[in-house]
Amino acid sequence: MSDQATATVEAPVTTRKAAETRRRPRRQSPYQVLLWDDDDHTYDYVIEMLRKLFGHVAERAFCLAEEVDTTGRTIVDTTTKERAELKRDQIHAYGPDWRIPRCKGSMSSTIEPVDDGG
């Protein structure tokens, strides 16, 4: 028989809270999709675009069209950054308003993180 001592290795102690914290996914900060006013697009264009791209009902789309016309901008969606980028790009790709001959392209849109008030 050997006189070697048997070493015991203990597993590190992990608290339940620490384990839960590691497994919990980080929440993404929301982003807003902003639509900017111009004089080259009709209410009908804005309403049509908002219904097709965002699924807004006609009444909501009209209210957003009215807001962008009177204030210069409106928030059309609040979502993840990736979806906000997609929706901004879809607005930019929507094309000109055929109802206005001078209209050469889509409306302007930007995204920004939601102000968390902090």
PDB file of N, CA and C in Angstrom:
ATOM      1  N   MET A   1       0.810  -1.178   0.000  1.00  0.00           N
ATOM      2  CA  MET A   1       0.000   0.000   0.000  1.00  0.00           C
ATOM      3  C   MET A   1       0.855   1.243   0.000  1.00  0.00           C
ATOM      4  N   SER A   2       0.279   2.322  -0.510  1.00  0.00           N
ATOM      5  CA  SER A   2       1.007   3.575  -0.627  1.00  0.00           C
ATOM      6  C   SER A   2       0.711   4.473   0.549  1.00  0.00           C
ATOM      7  N   ASP A   3       1.712   5.293   0.918  1.00  0.00           N
ATOM      8  CA  ASP A   3       1.528   6.246   2.002  1.00  0.00           C
ATOM      9  C   ASP A   3       1.072   7.626   1.485  1.00  0.00           C
ATOM     10  N   GLN A   4       0.669   7.678   0.209  1.00  0.00           N
ATOM     11  CA  GLN A   4       0.258   8.966  -0.360  1.00  0.00           C
ATOM     12  C   GLN A   4      -1.081   9.401   0.235  1.00  0.00           C
ATOM     13  N   ALA A   5      -1.166  10.666   0.532  1.00  0.00           N
ATOM     14  CA  ALA A   5      -2.413  11.224   1.047  1.00  0.00           C
ATOM     15  C   ALA A   5      -3.361  11.496  -0.113  1.00  0.00           C
ATOM     16  N   THR A   6      -4.592  11.256   0.120  1.00  0.00           N
ATOM     17  CA  THR A   6      -5.596  11.521  -0.903  1.00  0.00           C
ATOM     18  C   THR A   6      -6.082  12.957  -0.738  1.00  0.00           C
ATOM     19  N   ALA A   7      -5.943  13.743  -1.818  1.00  0.00           N
ATOM     20  CA  ALA A   7      -6.365  15.144  -1.775  1.00  0.00           C
ATOM     21  C   ALA A   7      -7.830  15.237  -2.165  1.00  0.00           C
ATOM     22  N   THR A   8      -8.549  16.048  -1.450  1.00  0.00           N
ATOM     23  CA  THR A   8      -9.954  16.278  -1.757  1.00  0.00           C
ATOM     24  C   THR A   8     -10.072  17.658  -2.375  1.00  0.00           C
ATOM     25  N   VAL A   9     -10.707  17.693  -3.539  1.00  0.00           N
ATOM     26  CA  VAL A   9     -10.929  18.966  -4.226  1.00  0.00           C
ATOM     27  C   VAL A   9     -12.403  19.294  -4.107  1.00  0.00           C
ATOM     28  N   GLU A  10     -12.679  20.443  -3.539  1.00  0.00           N
ATOM     29  CA  GLU A  10     -14.063  20.849  -3.380  1.00  0.00           C
ATOM     30  C   GLU A  10     -14.461  21.758  -4.531  1.00  0.00           C
ATOM     31  N   ALA A  11     -15.689  21.571  -4.998  1.00  0.00           N
ATOM     32  CA  ALA A  11     -16.227  22.427  -6.064  1.00  0.00           C
ATOM     33  C   ALA A  11     -16.492  23.806  -5.486  1.00  0.00           C
ATOM     34  N   PRO A  12     -16.296  24.849  -6.290  1.00  0.00           N
ATOM     35  CA  PRO A  12     -16.568  26.194  -5.797  1.00  0.00           C
ATOM     36  C   PRO A  12     -18.049  26.334  -5.454  1.00  0.00           C
ATOM     37  N   VAL A  13     -18.309  27.074  -4.421  1.00  0.00           N
ATOM     38  CA  VAL A  13     -19.680  27.299  -3.985  1.00  0.00           C
ATOM     39  C   VAL A  13     -20.286  28.384  -4.864  1.00  0.00           C
ATOM     40  N   THR A  14     -21.430  28.079  -5.449  1.00  0.00           N
ATOM     41  CA  THR A  14     -22.119  29.044  -6.289  1.00  0.00           C
ATOM     42  C   THR A  14     -23.471  29.327  -5.656  1.00  0.00           C
ATOM     43  N   THR A  15     -23.715  30.574  -5.402  1.00  0.00           N
ATOM     44  CA  THR A  15     -25.006  30.911  -4.814  1.00  0.00           C
ATOM     45  C   THR A  15     -26.080  30.870  -5.889  1.00  0.00           C
ATOM     46  N   ARG A  16     -27.291  30.656  -5.479  1.00  0.00           N
ATOM     47  CA  ARG A  16     -28.405  30.581  -6.426  1.00  0.00           C
ATOM     48  C   ARG A  16     -28.555  31.911  -7.172  1.00  0.00           C
ATOM     49  N   LYS A  17     -28.408  33.016  -6.466  1.00  0.00           N
ATOM     50  CA  LYS A  17     -28.545  34.333  -7.094  1.00  0.00           C
ATOM     51  C   LYS A  17     -27.492  34.535  -8.183  1.00  0.00           C
ATOM     52  N   ALA A  18     -26.252  34.159  -7.912  1.00  0.00           N
ATOM     53  CA  ALA A  18     -25.184  34.304  -8.900  1.00  0.00           C
ATOM     54  C   ALA A  18     -25.473  33.437 -10.121  1.00  0.00           C
ATOM     55  N   ALA A  19     -25.957  32.231  -9.916  1.00  0.00           N
ATOM     56  CA  ALA A  19     -26.270  31.343 -11.035  1.00  0.00           C
ATOM     57  C   ALA A  19     -27.420  31.906 -11.867  1.00  0.00           C
ATOM     58  N   GLU A  20     -28.434  32.451 -11.208  1.00  0.00           N
ATOM     59  CA  GLU A  20     -29.563  33.029 -11.934  1.00  0.00           C
ATOM     60  C   GLU A  20     -29.142  34.260 -12.718  1.00  0.00           C
ATOM     61  N   THR A  21     -28.263  35.059 -12.146  1.00  0.00           N
ATOM     62  CA  THR A  21     -27.796  36.269 -12.809  1.00  0.00           C
ATOM     63  C   THR A  21     -27.047  35.930 -14.091  1.00  0.00           C
ATOM     64  N   ARG A  22     -26.246  34.907 -14.058  1.00  0.00           N
ATOM     65  CA  ARG A  22     -25.479  34.518 -15.245  1.00  0.00           C
ATOM     66  C   ARG A  22     -26.389  34.001 -16.354  1.00  0.00           C
ATOM     67  N   ARG A  23     -27.453  33.343 -16.002  1.00  0.00           N
ATOM     68  CA  ARG A  23     -28.325  32.751 -17.006  1.00  0.00           C
ATOM     69  C   ARG A  23     -29.340  33.735 -17.580  1.00  0.00           C
ATOM     70  N   ARG A  24     -29.579  34.803 -16.905  1.00  0.00           N
ATOM     71  CA  ARG A  24     -30.584  35.764 -17.335  1.00  0.00           C
ATOM     72  C   ARG A  24     -30.053  36.574 -18.519  1.00  0.00           C
ATOM     73  N   PRO A  25     -30.754  36.572 -19.653  1.00  0.00           N
ATOM     74  CA  PRO A  25     -30.268  37.351 -20.794  1.00  0.00           C
ATOM     75  C   PRO A  25     -30.387  38.848 -20.517  1.00  0.00           C
ATOM     76  N   ARG A  26     -29.445  39.586 -21.066  1.00  0.00           N
ATOM     77  CA  ARG A  26     -29.488  41.042 -20.912  1.00  0.00           C
ATOM     78  C   ARG A  26     -30.576  41.604 -21.807  1.00  0.00           C
ATOM     79  N   ARG A  27     -31.305  42.540 -21.292  1.00  0.00           N
ATOM     80  CA  ARG A  27     -32.382  43.161 -22.041  1.00  0.00           C
ATOM     81  C   ARG A  27     -31.810  44.279 -22.910  1.00  0.00           C
ATOM     82  N   GLN A  28     -32.213  44.297 -24.184  1.00  0.00           N
ATOM     83  CA  GLN A  28     -31.766  45.342 -25.093  1.00  0.00           C
ATOM     84  C   GLN A  28     -32.526  46.629 -24.824  1.00  0.00           C
ATOM     85  N   SER A  29     -31.853  47.733 -24.949  1.00  0.00           N
ATOM     86  CA  SER A  29     -32.522  49.025 -24.832  1.00  0.00           C
ATOM     87  C   SER A  29     -33.410  49.221 -26.058  1.00  0.00           C
ATOM     88  N   PRO A  30     -34.619  49.721 -25.864  1.00  0.00           N
ATOM     89  CA  PRO A  30     -35.499  49.943 -27.010  1.00  0.00           C
ATOM     90  C   PRO A  30     -35.069  51.154 -27.835  1.00  0.00           C
ATOM     91  N   TYR A  31     -35.464  51.129 -29.096  1.00  0.00           N
ATOM     92  CA  TYR A  31     -35.191  52.222 -30.031  1.00  0.00           C
ATOM     93  C   TYR A  31     -36.500  52.720 -30.622  1.00  0.00           C
ATOM     94  N   GLN A  32     -36.515  54.001 -30.955  1.00  0.00           N
ATOM     95  CA  GLN A  32     -37.671  54.609 -31.602  1.00  0.00           C
ATOM     96  C   GLN A  32     -37.368  54.820 -33.081  1.00  0.00           C
ATOM     97  N   VAL A  33     -38.371  54.581 -33.905  1.00  0.00           N
ATOM     98  CA  VAL A  33     -38.290  54.883 -35.328  1.00  0.00           C
ATOM     99  C   VAL A  33     -39.016  56.206 -35.525  1.00  0.00           C
ATOM    100  N   LEU A  34     -38.280  57.207 -35.997  1.00  0.00           N
ATOM    101  CA  LEU A  34     -38.837  58.543 -36.206  1.00  0.00           C
ATOM    102  C   LEU A  34     -39.101  58.785 -37.684  1.00  0.00           C
ATOM    103  N   LEU A  35     -40.232  59.384 -37.986  1.00  0.00           N
ATOM    104  CA  LEU A  35     -40.578  59.788 -39.346  1.00  0.00           C
ATOM    105  C   LEU A  35     -40.550  61.306 -39.378  1.00  0.00           C
ATOM    106  N   TRP A  36     -39.875  61.861 -40.395  1.00  0.00           N
ATOM    107  CA  TRP A  36     -39.682  63.310 -40.488  1.00  0.00           C
ATOM    108  C   TRP A  36     -40.557  63.902 -41.581  1.00  0.00           C
ATOM    109  N   ASP A  37     -41.065  65.085 -41.339  1.00  0.00           N
ATOM    110  CA  ASP A  37     -41.983  65.766 -42.250  1.00  0.00           C
ATOM    111  C   ASP A  37     -41.260  66.334 -43.470  1.00  0.00           C
ATOM    112  N   ASP A  38     -41.994  66.415 -44.542  1.00  0.00           N
ATOM    113  CA  ASP A  38     -41.569  67.140 -45.739  1.00  0.00           C
ATOM    114  C   ASP A  38     -42.830  67.553 -46.492  1.00  0.00           C
ATOM    115  N   ASP A  39     -42.664  68.331 -47.544  1.00  0.00           N
ATOM    116  CA  ASP A  39     -43.825  68.792 -48.322  1.00  0.00           C
ATOM    117  C   ASP A  39     -44.036  67.984 -49.589  1.00  0.00           C
ATOM    118  N   ASP A  40     -43.344  66.872 -49.729  1.00  0.00           N
ATOM    119  CA  ASP A  40     -43.416  66.084 -50.960  1.00  0.00           C
ATOM    120  C   ASP A  40     -44.184  64.775 -50.826  1.00  0.00           C
ATOM    121  N   HIS A  41     -44.929  64.620 -49.733  1.00  0.00           N
ATOM    122  CA  HIS A  41     -45.700  63.395 -49.534  1.00  0.00           C
ATOM    123  C   HIS A  41     -47.070  63.746 -48.955  1.00  0.00           C
ATOM    124  N   THR A  42     -48.096  63.104 -49.480  1.00  0.00           N
ATOM    125  CA  THR A  42     -49.467  63.355 -49.044  1.00  0.00           C
ATOM    126  C   THR A  42     -49.811  62.545 -47.794  1.00  0.00           C
ATOM    127  N   TYR A  43     -50.890  62.936 -47.148  1.00  0.00           N
ATOM    128  CA  TYR A  43     -51.405  62.161 -46.018  1.00  0.00           C
ATOM    129  C   TYR A  43     -51.703  60.729 -46.478  1.00  0.00           C
ATOM    130  N   ASP A  44     -52.284  60.602 -47.668  1.00  0.00           N
ATOM    131  CA  ASP A  44     -52.605  59.262 -48.177  1.00  0.00           C
ATOM    132  C   ASP A  44     -51.360  58.390 -48.285  1.00  0.00           C
ATOM    133  N   TYR A  45     -50.264  58.970 -48.744  1.00  0.00           N
ATOM    134  CA  TYR A  45     -48.996  58.233 -48.842  1.00  0.00           C
ATOM    135  C   TYR A  45     -48.535  57.777 -47.462  1.00  0.00           C
ATOM    136  N   VAL A  46     -48.538  58.696 -46.502  1.00  0.00           N
ATOM    137  CA  VAL A  46     -48.063  58.374 -45.156  1.00  0.00           C
ATOM    138  C   VAL A  46     -48.946  57.293 -44.528  1.00  0.00           C
ATOM    139  N   ILE A  47     -50.245  57.445 -44.645  1.00  0.00           N
ATOM    140  CA  ILE A  47     -51.172  56.462 -44.084  1.00  0.00           C
ATOM    141  C   ILE A  47     -50.964  55.097 -44.725  1.00  0.00           C
ATOM    142  N   GLU A  48     -50.869  55.070 -46.044  1.00  0.00           N
ATOM    143  CA  GLU A  48     -50.639  53.810 -46.768  1.00  0.00           C
ATOM    144  C   GLU A  48     -49.336  53.144 -46.319  1.00  0.00           C
ATOM    145  N   MET A  49     -48.262  53.927 -46.238  1.00  0.00           N
ATOM    146  CA  MET A  49     -46.960  53.397 -45.845  1.00  0.00           C
ATOM    147  C   MET A  49     -46.993  52.835 -44.417  1.00  0.00           C
ATOM    148  N   LEU A  50     -47.575  53.589 -43.498  1.00  0.00           N
ATOM    149  CA  LEU A  50     -47.621  53.152 -42.102  1.00  0.00           C
ATOM    150  C   LEU A  50     -48.468  51.898 -41.928  1.00  0.00           C
ATOM    151  N   ARG A  51     -49.510  51.785 -42.715  1.00  0.00           N
ATOM    152  CA  ARG A  51     -50.350  50.577 -42.630  1.00  0.00           C
ATOM    153  C   ARG A  51     -49.599  49.365 -43.185  1.00  0.00           C
ATOM    154  N   LYS A  52     -48.916  49.554 -44.301  1.00  0.00           N
ATOM    155  CA  LYS A  52     -48.200  48.424 -44.920  1.00  0.00           C
ATOM    156  C   LYS A  52     -46.953  48.020 -44.140  1.00  0.00           C
ATOM    157  N   LEU A  53     -46.163  48.986 -43.712  1.00  0.00           N
ATOM    158  CA  LEU A  53     -44.887  48.663 -43.070  1.00  0.00           C
ATOM    159  C   LEU A  53     -45.006  48.343 -41.578  1.00  0.00           C
ATOM    160  N   PHE A  54     -45.976  48.957 -40.905  1.00  0.00           N
ATOM    161  CA  PHE A  54     -46.067  48.808 -39.452  1.00  0.00           C
ATOM    162  C   PHE A  54     -47.344  48.123 -38.987  1.00  0.00           C
ATOM    163  N   GLY A  55     -48.291  47.949 -39.894  1.00  0.00           N
ATOM    164  CA  GLY A  55     -49.546  47.311 -39.521  1.00  0.00           C
ATOM    165  C   GLY A  55     -50.469  48.200 -38.712  1.00  0.00           C
ATOM    166  N   HIS A  56     -50.250  49.514 -38.762  1.00  0.00           N
ATOM    167  CA  HIS A  56     -51.129  50.430 -38.031  1.00  0.00           C
ATOM    168  C   HIS A  56     -52.514  50.436 -38.671  1.00  0.00           C
ATOM    169  N   VAL A  57     -53.547  50.521 -37.856  1.00  0.00           N
ATOM    170  CA  VAL A  57     -54.900  50.675 -38.383  1.00  0.00           C
ATOM    171  C   VAL A  57     -55.024  52.078 -38.970  1.00  0.00           C
ATOM    172  N   ALA A  58     -56.019  52.286 -39.823  1.00  0.00           N
ATOM    173  CA  ALA A  58     -56.170  53.552 -40.537  1.00  0.00           C
ATOM    174  C   ALA A  58     -56.235  54.756 -39.599  1.00  0.00           C
ATOM    175  N   GLU A  59     -56.964  54.625 -38.498  1.00  0.00           N
ATOM    176  CA  GLU A  59     -57.111  55.751 -37.567  1.00  0.00           C
ATOM    177  C   GLU A  59     -55.781  56.126 -36.928  1.00  0.00           C
ATOM    178  N   ARG A  60     -55.012  55.120 -36.522  1.00  0.00           N
ATOM    179  CA  ARG A  60     -53.689  55.374 -35.913  1.00  0.00           C
ATOM    180  C   ARG A  60     -52.746  55.983 -36.948  1.00  0.00           C
ATOM    181  N   ALA A  61     -52.772  55.439 -38.159  1.00  0.00           N
ATOM    182  CA  ALA A  61     -51.909  55.957 -39.219  1.00  0.00           C
ATOM    183  C   ALA A  61     -52.253  57.413 -39.530  1.00  0.00           C
ATOM    184  N   PHE A  62     -53.543  57.750 -39.534  1.00  0.00           N
ATOM    185  CA  PHE A  62     -53.937  59.140 -39.774  1.00  0.00           C
ATOM    186  C   PHE A  62     -53.422  60.052 -38.666  1.00  0.00           C
ATOM    187  N   CYS A  63     -53.547  59.620 -37.410  1.00  0.00           N
ATOM    188  CA  CYS A  63     -53.049  60.430 -36.285  1.00  0.00           C
ATOM    189  C   CYS A  63     -51.545  60.666 -36.390  1.00  0.00           C
ATOM    190  N   LEU A  64     -50.802  59.634 -36.795  1.00  0.00           N
ATOM    191  CA  LEU A  64     -49.351  59.789 -36.964  1.00  0.00           C
ATOM    192  C   LEU A  64     -49.035  60.724 -38.128  1.00  0.00           C
ATOM    193  N   ALA A  65     -49.794  60.627 -39.227  1.00  0.00           N
ATOM    194  CA  ALA A  65     -49.599  61.526 -40.372  1.00  0.00           C
ATOM    195  C   ALA A  65     -49.870  62.970 -39.962  1.00  0.00           C
ATOM    196  N   GLU A  66     -50.904  63.164 -39.173  1.00  0.00           N
ATOM    197  CA  GLU A  66     -51.236  64.498 -38.692  1.00  0.00           C
ATOM    198  C   GLU A  66     -50.144  65.037 -37.765  1.00  0.00           C
ATOM    199  N   GLU A  67     -49.622  64.172 -36.900  1.00  0.00           N
ATOM    200  CA  GLU A  67     -48.563  64.591 -35.977  1.00  0.00           C
ATOM    201  C   GLU A  67     -47.279  64.970 -36.719  1.00  0.00           C
ATOM    202  N   VAL A  68     -46.864  64.161 -37.689  1.00  0.00           N
ATOM    203  CA  VAL A  68     -45.646  64.484 -38.435  1.00  0.00           C
ATOM    204  C   VAL A  68     -45.833  65.794 -39.212  1.00  0.00           C
ATOM    205  N   ASP A  69     -47.050  66.043 -39.701  1.00  0.00           N
ATOM    206  CA  ASP A  69     -47.330  67.261 -40.454  1.00  0.00           C
ATOM    207  C   ASP A  69     -47.310  68.494 -39.554  1.00  0.00           C
ATOM    208  N   THR A  70     -47.820  68.376 -38.350  1.00  0.00           N
ATOM    209  CA  THR A  70     -47.921  69.550 -37.473  1.00  0.00           C
ATOM    210  C   THR A  70     -46.688  69.789 -36.612  1.00  0.00           C
ATOM    211  N   THR A  71     -45.973  68.718 -36.227  1.00  0.00           N
ATOM    212  CA  THR A  71     -44.822  68.895 -35.330  1.00  0.00           C
ATOM    213  C   THR A  71     -43.476  68.715 -36.028  1.00  0.00           C
ATOM    214  N   GLY A  72     -43.487  68.166 -37.227  1.00  0.00           N
ATOM    215  CA  GLY A  72     -42.240  67.976 -37.956  1.00  0.00           C
ATOM    216  C   GLY A  72     -41.647  66.584 -37.831  1.00  0.00           C
ATOM    217  N   ARG A  73     -42.151  65.803 -36.862  1.00  0.00           N
ATOM    218  CA  ARG A  73     -41.683  64.437 -36.697  1.00  0.00           C
ATOM    219  C   ARG A  73     -42.683  63.665 -35.853  1.00  0.00           C
ATOM    220  N   THR A  74     -42.603  62.349 -35.938  1.00  0.00           N
ATOM    221  CA  THR A  74     -43.432  61.501 -35.096  1.00  0.00           C
ATOM    222  C   THR A  74     -42.728  60.171 -34.870  1.00  0.00           C
ATOM    223  N   ILE A  75     -43.029  59.539 -33.765  1.00  0.00           N
ATOM    224  CA  ILE A  75     -42.502  58.210 -33.465  1.00  0.00           C
ATOM    225  C   ILE A  75     -43.497  57.202 -34.021  1.00  0.00           C
ATOM    226  N   VAL A  76     -43.063  56.375 -34.969  1.00  0.00           N
ATOM    227  CA  VAL A  76     -43.969  55.413 -35.591  1.00  0.00           C
ATOM    228  C   VAL A  76     -43.825  54.009 -35.016  1.00  0.00           C
ATOM    229  N   ASP A  77     -42.746  53.754 -34.253  1.00  0.00           N
ATOM    230  CA  ASP A  77     -42.569  52.441 -33.648  1.00  0.00           C
ATOM    231  C   ASP A  77     -41.502  52.534 -32.561  1.00  0.00           C
ATOM    232  N   THR A  78     -41.624  51.695 -31.551  1.00  0.00           N
ATOM    233  CA  THR A  78     -40.610  51.517 -30.520  1.00  0.00           C
ATOM    234  C   THR A  78     -40.338  50.031 -30.438  1.00  0.00           C
ATOM    235  N   THR A  79     -39.088  49.649 -30.645  1.00  0.00           N
ATOM    236  CA  THR A  79     -38.756  48.245 -30.823  1.00  0.00           C
ATOM    237  C   THR A  79     -37.277  48.009 -30.525  1.00  0.00           C
ATOM    238  N   THR A  80     -36.778  46.844 -30.921  1.00  0.00           N
ATOM    239  CA  THR A  80     -35.354  46.548 -30.770  1.00  0.00           C
ATOM    240  C   THR A  80     -34.542  47.358 -31.781  1.00  0.00           C
ATOM    241  N   LYS A  81     -33.263  47.482 -31.539  1.00  0.00           N
ATOM    242  CA  LYS A  81     -32.404  48.238 -32.460  1.00  0.00           C
ATOM    243  C   LYS A  81     -32.412  47.625 -33.855  1.00  0.00           C
ATOM    244  N   GLU A  82     -32.321  46.306 -33.926  1.00  0.00           N
ATOM    245  CA  GLU A  82     -32.263  45.645 -35.228  1.00  0.00           C
ATOM    246  C   GLU A  82     -33.550  45.854 -36.021  1.00  0.00           C
ATOM    247  N   ARG A  83     -34.693  45.740 -35.347  1.00  0.00           N
ATOM    248  CA  ARG A  83     -35.973  45.931 -36.048  1.00  0.00           C
ATOM    249  C   ARG A  83     -36.148  47.403 -36.408  1.00  0.00           C
ATOM    250  N   ALA A  84     -35.703  48.309 -35.548  1.00  0.00           N
ATOM    251  CA  ALA A  84     -35.779  49.744 -35.847  1.00  0.00           C
ATOM    252  C   ALA A  84     -34.969  50.068 -37.101  1.00  0.00           C
ATOM    253  N   GLU A  85     -33.780  49.482 -37.221  1.00  0.00           N
ATOM    254  CA  GLU A  85     -32.956  49.696 -38.414  1.00  0.00           C
ATOM    255  C   GLU A  85     -33.666  49.167 -39.660  1.00  0.00           C
ATOM    256  N   LEU A  86     -34.289  48.006 -39.532  1.00  0.00           N
ATOM    257  CA  LEU A  86     -35.031  47.434 -40.653  1.00  0.00           C
ATOM    258  C   LEU A  86     -36.184  48.341 -41.059  1.00  0.00           C
ATOM    259  N   LYS A  87     -36.957  48.808 -40.095  1.00  0.00           N
ATOM    260  CA  LYS A  87     -38.111  49.656 -40.396  1.00  0.00           C
ATOM    261  C   LYS A  87     -37.684  50.995 -40.987  1.00  0.00           C
ATOM    262  N   ARG A  88     -36.601  51.572 -40.485  1.00  0.00           N
ATOM    263  CA  ARG A  88     -36.064  52.811 -41.073  1.00  0.00           C
ATOM    264  C   ARG A  88     -35.695  52.581 -42.532  1.00  0.00           C
ATOM    265  N   ASP A  89     -35.015  51.474 -42.794  1.00  0.00           N
ATOM    266  CA  ASP A  89     -34.613  51.151 -44.166  1.00  0.00           C
ATOM    267  C   ASP A  89     -35.820  50.898 -45.063  1.00  0.00           C
ATOM    268  N   GLN A  90     -36.871  50.290 -44.522  1.00  0.00           N
ATOM    269  CA  GLN A  90     -38.090  50.062 -45.303  1.00  0.00           C
ATOM    270  C   GLN A  90     -38.771  51.382 -45.655  1.00  0.00           C
ATOM    271  N   ILE A  91     -38.762  52.334 -44.726  1.00  0.00           N
ATOM    272  CA  ILE A  91     -39.314  53.659 -45.021  1.00  0.00           C
ATOM    273  C   ILE A  91     -38.514  54.301 -46.145  1.00  0.00           C
ATOM    274  N   HIS A  92     -37.187  54.227 -46.053  1.00  0.00           N
ATOM    275  CA  HIS A  92     -36.331  54.829 -47.085  1.00  0.00           C
ATOM    276  C   HIS A  92     -36.513  54.164 -48.445  1.00  0.00           C
ATOM    277  N   ALA A  93     -36.901  52.921 -48.455  1.00  0.00           N
ATOM    278  CA  ALA A  93     -37.069  52.176 -49.712  1.00  0.00           C
ATOM    279  C   ALA A  93     -38.500  52.223 -50.244  1.00  0.00           C
ATOM    280  N   TYR A  94     -39.402  52.857 -49.528  1.00  0.00           N
ATOM    281  CA  TYR A  94     -40.817  52.810 -49.913  1.00  0.00           C
ATOM    282  C   TYR A  94     -41.098  53.495 -51.243  1.00  0.00           C
ATOM    283  N   GLY A  95     -40.285  54.459 -51.594  1.00  0.00           N
ATOM    284  CA  GLY A  95     -40.425  55.089 -52.906  1.00  0.00           C
ATOM    285  C   GLY A  95     -41.180  56.405 -52.862  1.00  0.00           C
ATOM    286  N   PRO A  96     -41.247  57.064 -54.011  1.00  0.00           N
ATOM    287  CA  PRO A  96     -41.881  58.379 -54.089  1.00  0.00           C
ATOM    288  C   PRO A  96     -43.410  58.292 -54.016  1.00  0.00           C
ATOM    289  N   ASP A  97     -44.006  59.424 -53.726  1.00  0.00           N
ATOM    290  CA  ASP A  97     -45.464  59.550 -53.707  1.00  0.00           C
ATOM    291  C   ASP A  97     -45.914  59.881 -55.126  1.00  0.00           C
ATOM    292  N   TRP A  98     -46.572  58.952 -55.772  1.00  0.00           N
ATOM    293  CA  TRP A  98     -46.995  59.131 -57.166  1.00  0.00           C
ATOM    294  C   TRP A  98     -48.051  60.230 -57.296  1.00  0.00           C
ATOM    295  N   ARG A  99     -48.646  60.643 -56.191  1.00  0.00           N
ATOM    296  CA  ARG A  99     -49.687  61.668 -56.217  1.00  0.00           C
ATOM    297  C   ARG A  99     -49.116  63.081 -56.394  1.00  0.00           C
ATOM    298  N   ILE A 100     -47.818  63.225 -56.135  1.00  0.00           N
ATOM    299  CA  ILE A 100     -47.154  64.528 -56.251  1.00  0.00           C
ATOM    300  C   ILE A 100     -46.034  64.397 -57.283  1.00  0.00           C
ATOM    301  N   PRO A 101     -46.197  65.016 -58.451  1.00  0.00           N
ATOM    302  CA  PRO A 101     -45.213  64.859 -59.533  1.00  0.00           C
ATOM    303  C   PRO A 101     -43.780  65.252 -59.163  1.00  0.00           C
ATOM    304  N   ARG A 102     -43.609  66.262 -58.303  1.00  0.00           N
ATOM    305  CA  ARG A 102     -42.248  66.697 -57.947  1.00  0.00           C
ATOM    306  C   ARG A 102     -41.565  65.747 -56.961  1.00  0.00           C
ATOM    307  N   CYS A 103     -42.314  64.830 -56.371  1.00  0.00           N
ATOM    308  CA  CYS A 103     -41.756  63.919 -55.372  1.00  0.00           C
ATOM    309  C   CYS A 103     -40.758  62.972 -56.033  1.00  0.00           C
ATOM    310  N   LYS A 104     -39.553  62.940 -55.496  1.00  0.00           N
ATOM    311  CA  LYS A 104     -38.479  62.148 -56.100  1.00  0.00           C
ATOM    312  C   LYS A 104     -38.072  60.935 -55.266  1.00  0.00           C
ATOM    313  N   GLY A 105     -38.582  60.825 -54.059  1.00  0.00           N
ATOM    314  CA  GLY A 105     -38.141  59.699 -53.239  1.00  0.00           C
ATOM    315  C   GLY A 105     -38.994  59.513 -52.002  1.00  0.00           C
ATOM    316  N   SER A 106     -38.501  58.658 -51.150  1.00  0.00           N
ATOM    317  CA  SER A 106     -39.208  58.295 -49.925  1.00  0.00           C
ATOM    318  C   SER A 106     -39.091  59.387 -48.871  1.00  0.00           C
ATOM    319  N   MET A 107     -39.810  59.206 -47.785  1.00  0.00           N
ATOM    320  CA  MET A 107     -39.712  60.111 -46.643  1.00  0.00           C
ATOM    321  C   MET A 107     -38.434  59.815 -45.874  1.00  0.00           C
ATOM    322  N   SER A 108     -38.069  60.726 -45.006  1.00  0.00           N
ATOM    323  CA  SER A 108     -36.879  60.553 -44.167  1.00  0.00           C
ATOM    324  C   SER A 108     -37.271  59.900 -42.851  1.00  0.00           C
ATOM    325  N   SER A 109     -36.367  59.064 -42.359  1.00  0.00           N
ATOM    326  CA  SER A 109     -36.582  58.380 -41.097  1.00  0.00           C
ATOM    327  C   SER A 109     -35.237  58.190 -40.411  1.00  0.00           C
ATOM    328  N   THR A 110     -35.256  58.274 -39.102  1.00  0.00           N
ATOM    329  CA  THR A 110     -34.063  57.998 -38.302  1.00  0.00           C
ATOM    330  C   THR A 110     -34.487  57.124 -37.129  1.00  0.00           C
ATOM    331  N   ILE A 111     -33.477  56.576 -36.445  1.00  0.00           N
ATOM    332  CA  ILE A 111     -33.752  55.837 -35.211  1.00  0.00           C
ATOM    333  C   ILE A 111     -32.942  56.457 -34.087  1.00  0.00           C
ATOM    334  N   GLU A 112     -33.430  56.297 -32.876  1.00  0.00           N
ATOM    335  CA  GLU A 112     -32.685  56.774 -31.711  1.00  0.00           C
ATOM    336  C   GLU A 112     -33.067  55.914 -30.513  1.00  0.00           C
ATOM    337  N   PRO A 113     -32.140  55.770 -29.569  1.00  0.00           N
ATOM    338  CA  PRO A 113     -32.480  55.007 -28.366  1.00  0.00           C
ATOM    339  C   PRO A 113     -33.524  55.747 -27.558  1.00  0.00           C
ATOM    340  N   VAL A 114     -34.363  54.990 -26.896  1.00  0.00           N
ATOM    341  CA  VAL A 114     -35.382  55.590 -26.035  1.00  0.00           C
ATOM    342  C   VAL A 114     -34.677  56.215 -24.837  1.00  0.00           C
ATOM    343  N   ASP A 115     -35.029  57.433 -24.515  1.00  0.00           N
ATOM    344  CA  ASP A 115     -34.462  58.122 -23.355  1.00  0.00           C
ATOM    345  C   ASP A 115     -35.014  57.464 -22.114  1.00  0.00           C
ATOM    346  N   ASP A 116     -34.120  56.879 -21.313  1.00  0.00           N
ATOM    347  CA  ASP A 116     -34.554  56.155 -20.125  1.00  0.00           C
ATOM    348  C   ASP A 116     -34.804  57.079 -18.935  1.00  0.00           C
ATOM    349  N   GLY A 117     -34.685  58.357 -19.166  1.00  0.00           N
ATOM    350  CA  GLY A 117     -34.947  59.314 -18.102  1.00  0.00           C
ATOM    351  C   GLY A 117     -33.838  59.434 -17.067  1.00  0.00           C
ATOM    352  N   GLY A 118     -32.713  58.744 -17.308  1.00  0.00           N
ATOM    353  CA  GLY A 118     -31.643  58.768 -16.316  1.00  0.00           C
ATOM    354  C   GLY A 118     -30.630  59.741 -16.660  1.00  0.00           C
TER     355      GLY A 118
END
